[in-house]
Amino acid sequence: MNQTILSARIAQAKPLRYTPAGIPALDLTLEHESEALEAGQRRQIKVEIRAVAFGTDAETLARQAIGSSLRFTGFLAAFRHGKHPVLHVQSFQQDS
């Protein structure tokens, strides 16, 4: 199963674009900060990840302010035949 849930803030959003099929697409950079318990020790977690959204999700995210904190759900895939993971956003909501 490839499902990711990530609370993150929008650090960067490129202008809304359209695929050759005419589907809205938005490329994002997300930043996450938290604390986790690993091997009995507290660990500070900081990660920056690229993300992409399509369709109405892309259009809605394009209207969100930089710095908005949201909870993203999606799956990880390589970026255009690359080796680095990209979060493909399938849904999102305000982070509580």
C-alpha atoms as a PDB file:
ATOM      1  CA  MET A   1       0.000   0.000   0.000  1.00  0.00           C
ATOM      2  CA  ASN A   2       1.292   3.445  -0.910  1.00  0.00           C
ATOM      3  CA  GLN A   3      -0.603   6.040   1.107  1.00  0.00           C
ATOM      4  CA  THR A   4       0.907   9.064   2.787  1.00  0.00           C
ATOM      5  CA  ILE A   5      -0.679  11.490   5.240  1.00  0.00           C
ATOM      6  CA  LEU A   6       1.406  14.557   5.974  1.00  0.00           C
ATOM      7  CA  SER A   7       0.712  17.694   7.962  1.00  0.00           C
ATOM      8  CA  ALA A   8       2.716  20.410   6.270  1.00  0.00           C
ATOM      9  CA  ARG A   9       2.761  24.037   5.293  1.00  0.00           C
ATOM     10  CA  ILE A  10       2.912  25.284   1.745  1.00  0.00           C
ATOM     11  CA  ALA A  11       6.412  26.695   1.341  1.00  0.00           C
ATOM     12  CA  GLN A  12       6.229  27.362  -2.394  1.00  0.00           C
ATOM     13  CA  ALA A  13       3.666  27.037  -5.181  1.00  0.00           C
ATOM     14  CA  LYS A  14       4.435  27.436  -8.850  1.00  0.00           C
ATOM     15  CA  PRO A  15       1.831  29.033 -11.116  1.00  0.00           C
ATOM     16  CA  LEU A  16      -1.114  26.834 -12.022  1.00  0.00           C
ATOM     17  CA  ARG A  17      -0.409  24.983 -15.266  1.00  0.00           C
ATOM     18  CA  TYR A  18      -2.349  22.635 -17.519  1.00  0.00           C
ATOM     19  CA  THR A  19      -1.364  19.184 -18.755  1.00  0.00           C
ATOM     20  CA  PRO A  20      -1.508  18.456 -22.506  1.00  0.00           C
ATOM     21  CA  ALA A  21      -4.935  16.910 -21.787  1.00  0.00           C
ATOM     22  CA  GLY A  22      -6.101  20.238 -20.315  1.00  0.00           C
ATOM     23  CA  ILE A  23      -6.110  19.105 -16.663  1.00  0.00           C
ATOM     24  CA  PRO A  24      -5.101  21.770 -14.105  1.00  0.00           C
ATOM     25  CA  ALA A  25      -1.847  20.906 -12.297  1.00  0.00           C
ATOM     26  CA  LEU A  26       0.005  22.597  -9.463  1.00  0.00           C
ATOM     27  CA  ASP A  27       3.577  21.931  -8.324  1.00  0.00           C
ATOM     28  CA  LEU A  28       4.236  22.619  -4.642  1.00  0.00           C
ATOM     29  CA  THR A  29       6.991  22.476  -2.080  1.00  0.00           C
ATOM     30  CA  LEU A  30       5.767  21.389   1.351  1.00  0.00           C
ATOM     31  CA  GLU A  31       7.592  21.752   4.678  1.00  0.00           C
ATOM     32  CA  HIS A  32       6.930  19.573   7.707  1.00  0.00           C
ATOM     33  CA  GLU A  33       8.276  19.952  11.241  1.00  0.00           C
ATOM     34  CA  SER A  34       7.497  17.701  14.182  1.00  0.00           C
ATOM     35  CA  GLU A  35       8.979  15.593  16.931  1.00  0.00           C
ATOM     36  CA  ALA A  36       9.029  11.800  17.000  1.00  0.00           C
ATOM     37  CA  LEU A  37      10.124   9.136  19.448  1.00  0.00           C
ATOM     38  CA  GLU A  38      12.734   6.837  17.911  1.00  0.00           C
ATOM     39  CA  ALA A  39      14.594   4.129  19.832  1.00  0.00           C
ATOM     40  CA  GLY A  40      13.462   5.762  23.064  1.00  0.00           C
ATOM     41  CA  GLN A  41      14.863   9.163  22.120  1.00  0.00           C
ATOM     42  CA  ARG A  42      13.077  12.303  20.981  1.00  0.00           C
ATOM     43  CA  ARG A  43      14.012  13.330  17.468  1.00  0.00           C
ATOM     44  CA  GLN A  44      13.314  16.617  15.707  1.00  0.00           C
ATOM     45  CA  ILE A  45      11.888  15.999  12.244  1.00  0.00           C
ATOM     46  CA  LYS A  46      12.244  18.558   9.451  1.00  0.00           C
ATOM     47  CA  VAL A  47      11.505  17.599   5.887  1.00  0.00           C
ATOM     48  CA  GLU A  48      10.851  19.392   2.630  1.00  0.00           C
ATOM     49  CA  ILE A  49       9.058  17.460  -0.087  1.00  0.00           C
ATOM     50  CA  ARG A  50       7.834  18.251  -3.544  1.00  0.00           C
ATOM     51  CA  ALA A  51       4.161  17.669  -4.244  1.00  0.00           C
ATOM     52  CA  VAL A  52       1.798  17.862  -7.188  1.00  0.00           C
ATOM     53  CA  ALA A  53      -1.988  18.194  -7.338  1.00  0.00           C
ATOM     54  CA  PHE A  54      -4.313  17.823 -10.306  1.00  0.00           C
ATOM     55  CA  GLY A  55      -7.853  18.860 -11.206  1.00  0.00           C
ATOM     56  CA  THR A  56     -10.010  20.772  -8.744  1.00  0.00           C
ATOM     57  CA  ASP A  57      -7.497  20.082  -5.946  1.00  0.00           C
ATOM     58  CA  ALA A  58      -4.865  21.962  -7.971  1.00  0.00           C
ATOM     59  CA  GLU A  59      -7.221  24.882  -8.558  1.00  0.00           C
ATOM     60  CA  THR A  60      -8.165  25.086  -4.871  1.00  0.00           C
ATOM     61  CA  LEU A  61      -4.566  24.774  -3.641  1.00  0.00           C
ATOM     62  CA  ALA A  62      -3.479  27.511  -6.059  1.00  0.00           C
ATOM     63  CA  ARG A  63      -5.692  29.904  -4.057  1.00  0.00           C
ATOM     64  CA  GLN A  64      -4.138  28.952  -0.697  1.00  0.00           C
ATOM     65  CA  ALA A  65      -1.677  31.367   0.850  1.00  0.00           C
ATOM     66  CA  ILE A  66       1.986  30.460   1.124  1.00  0.00           C
ATOM     67  CA  GLY A  67       2.462  29.315   4.722  1.00  0.00           C
ATOM     68  CA  SER A  68      -0.970  27.672   4.949  1.00  0.00           C
ATOM     69  CA  SER A  69      -0.915  24.564   7.139  1.00  0.00           C
ATOM     70  CA  LEU A  70      -2.859  21.637   5.720  1.00  0.00           C
ATOM     71  CA  ARG A  71      -3.108  17.869   6.088  1.00  0.00           C
ATOM     72  CA  PHE A  72      -2.333  16.225   2.752  1.00  0.00           C
ATOM     73  CA  THR A  73      -3.268  12.685   1.749  1.00  0.00           C
ATOM     74  CA  GLY A  74      -1.849  11.026  -1.326  1.00  0.00           C
ATOM     75  CA  PHE A  75       0.760   8.633  -2.650  1.00  0.00           C
ATOM     76  CA  LEU A  76       4.479   8.832  -3.384  1.00  0.00           C
ATOM     77  CA  ALA A  77       5.874   8.435  -6.893  1.00  0.00           C
ATOM     78  CA  ALA A  78       9.105   9.348  -8.657  1.00  0.00           C
ATOM     79  CA  PHE A  79       9.176  12.747 -10.329  1.00  0.00           C
ATOM     80  CA  ARG A  80       9.186  12.340 -14.099  1.00  0.00           C
ATOM     81  CA  HIS A  81      11.293   9.187 -14.109  1.00  0.00           C
ATOM     82  CA  GLY A  82      13.544  10.541 -11.392  1.00  0.00           C
ATOM     83  CA  LYS A  83      14.654   9.037  -8.121  1.00  0.00           C
ATOM     84  CA  HIS A  84      13.244  11.586  -5.694  1.00  0.00           C
ATOM     85  CA  PRO A  85       9.752  11.056  -4.299  1.00  0.00           C
ATOM     86  CA  VAL A  86       6.913  13.451  -5.031  1.00  0.00           C
ATOM     87  CA  LEU A  87       3.694  13.471  -3.027  1.00  0.00           C
ATOM     88  CA  HIS A  88       0.748  13.199  -5.425  1.00  0.00           C
ATOM     89  CA  VAL A  89      -2.008  14.960  -3.484  1.00  0.00           C
ATOM     90  CA  GLN A  90      -5.371  13.185  -3.603  1.00  0.00           C
ATOM     91  CA  SER A  91      -7.064  15.225  -0.875  1.00  0.00           C
ATOM     92  CA  PHE A  92      -6.296  17.864   1.732  1.00  0.00           C
ATOM     93  CA  GLN A  93      -7.960  19.650   4.621  1.00  0.00           C
ATOM     94  CA  GLN A  94      -7.217  22.314   7.181  1.00  0.00           C
ATOM     95  CA  ASP A  95      -4.746  20.980   9.738  1.00  0.00           C
ATOM     96  CA  SER A  96      -6.102  21.095  13.262  1.00  0.00           C
END
